[in-house]
Protein backbone atom coordinates (compact mmCIF):
# COMPACT_ATOMS: atom_id res chain seq x y z
CA MET A 1 -15.17 20.70 41.20
CA GLU A 2 -17.92 18.53 40.17
CA ASN A 3 -19.36 21.74 37.92
CA GLU A 4 -15.81 21.74 36.21
CA GLU A 5 -16.93 21.16 32.14
CA LYS A 6 -13.73 19.03 30.51
CA LYS A 7 -12.34 20.41 27.60
CA VAL A 8 -11.45 18.64 24.55
CA ASN A 9 -8.75 20.42 22.51
CA VAL A 10 -9.97 19.41 18.59
CA THR A 11 -8.37 21.59 16.62
CA PHE A 12 -7.64 21.78 12.50
CA SER A 13 -4.63 20.46 13.06
CA ASN A 14 -5.69 17.50 14.66
CA ILE A 15 -8.34 16.11 12.82
CA MET A 16 -5.74 16.54 10.00
CA GLU A 17 -2.90 14.71 11.72
CA TRP A 18 -5.39 11.38 12.51
CA ALA A 19 -7.09 11.63 8.92
CA LEU A 20 -3.65 11.55 7.50
CA TYR A 21 -2.47 8.91 9.74
CA VAL A 22 -5.74 6.52 8.34
CA LEU A 23 -5.28 7.64 4.77
CA GLY A 24 -2.02 7.03 5.04
CA VAL A 25 -2.80 2.91 6.39
CA VAL A 26 -5.44 2.32 4.23
CA PHE A 27 -3.15 3.44 1.47
CA ILE A 28 -0.21 1.30 2.19
CA ILE A 29 -3.16 -1.35 2.20
CA ILE A 30 -4.80 -1.10 -0.67
CA GLY A 31 -0.63 -1.67 -1.42
CA ILE A 32 -0.07 -5.02 0.12
CA ASN A 33 -3.05 -5.95 -1.31
CA TYR A 34 -2.71 -5.14 -5.12
CA TYR A 35 1.10 -7.09 -4.13
CA GLY A 36 -0.84 -9.93 -3.13
CA GLU A 37 -3.63 -10.67 -5.31
CA ASP A 38 -0.68 -11.15 -8.41
CA LEU A 39 1.33 -13.74 -6.52
CA GLU A 40 0.25 -16.58 -7.85
CA CYS A 41 2.39 -19.11 -6.25
CA GLY A 42 2.81 -22.86 -6.87
CA SER A 43 1.83 -25.98 -5.31
CA TYR A 44 5.52 -26.37 -4.39
CA GLY A 45 5.69 -22.72 -1.87
CA VAL A 46 6.09 -19.16 -2.16
CA PHE A 47 8.99 -19.23 -4.09
CA ASP A 48 7.54 -21.59 -6.94
CA PHE A 49 5.95 -19.21 -9.42
CA ASP A 50 3.66 -20.88 -11.59
CA GLU A 51 4.65 -20.07 -15.47
CA LYS A 52 2.10 -18.25 -17.78
CA LYS A 53 2.06 -19.17 -21.19
CA TYR A 54 0.75 -16.00 -22.87
CA VAL A 55 1.86 -17.16 -26.51
CA GLY A 56 3.80 -19.98 -28.09
CA GLY A 57 7.59 -19.20 -27.64
CA ASP A 58 9.32 -19.44 -24.23
CA ALA A 59 11.24 -15.94 -24.78
CA TYR A 60 7.80 -13.80 -25.30
CA ASN A 61 6.72 -15.30 -22.33
CA TYR A 62 9.39 -14.29 -20.23
CA ILE A 63 9.08 -10.89 -21.63
CA ILE A 64 5.80 -10.38 -21.36
CA SER A 65 5.28 -11.30 -16.93
CA ALA A 66 8.85 -9.55 -16.14
CA SER A 67 6.58 -7.01 -18.03
CA ARG A 68 3.54 -7.67 -15.67
CA SER A 69 6.32 -7.86 -12.94
CA SER A 70 7.21 -4.95 -13.08
CA ALA A 71 3.54 -3.25 -12.87
CA VAL A 72 2.55 -4.55 -10.50
CA MET A 73 5.78 -3.66 -8.25
CA ILE A 74 5.74 0.04 -9.51
CA LYS A 75 1.75 0.12 -8.60
CA SER A 76 2.25 -1.32 -5.05
CA LEU A 77 4.76 1.11 -4.65
CA ILE A 78 3.46 3.94 -5.61
CA TRP A 79 0.77 2.87 -3.02
CA PHE A 80 2.67 2.43 -0.20
CA VAL A 81 4.72 5.48 -0.60
CA LEU A 82 1.95 7.68 -0.78
CA GLY A 83 1.20 5.86 2.52
CA SER A 84 3.89 6.66 3.61
CA CYS A 85 4.16 9.72 2.59
CA SER A 86 0.76 10.65 4.32
CA ILE A 87 1.85 9.25 7.35
CA ILE A 88 5.07 11.56 7.15
CA ILE A 89 2.91 14.82 6.46
CA GLY A 90 0.54 13.83 9.04
CA ARG A 91 3.13 13.59 11.74
CA THR A 92 4.38 17.35 10.92
CA PHE A 93 0.88 18.33 11.35
CA SER A 94 1.38 17.15 15.21
CA LYS A 95 4.39 19.94 16.16
């Protein structure tokens, strides 16, 4: 009994499963990081955003800010969806 060797079950599907889990977590962290970096809070708290002045007119500033916010949300959402899909695909390898 002392000479028995322990066998490790390492297969391609196990390696791919864990690689996709790690890749999914990395993608989700990147998405959260992009979203968090772009939030510029005011001095009164999280819900007080400082309005940036890009051009002279207020309406143009609102349009530019809305476009920028939409781009940040889409960019973050893409990374988050990639990470979630990677974790789901990794989960299918485990069966």
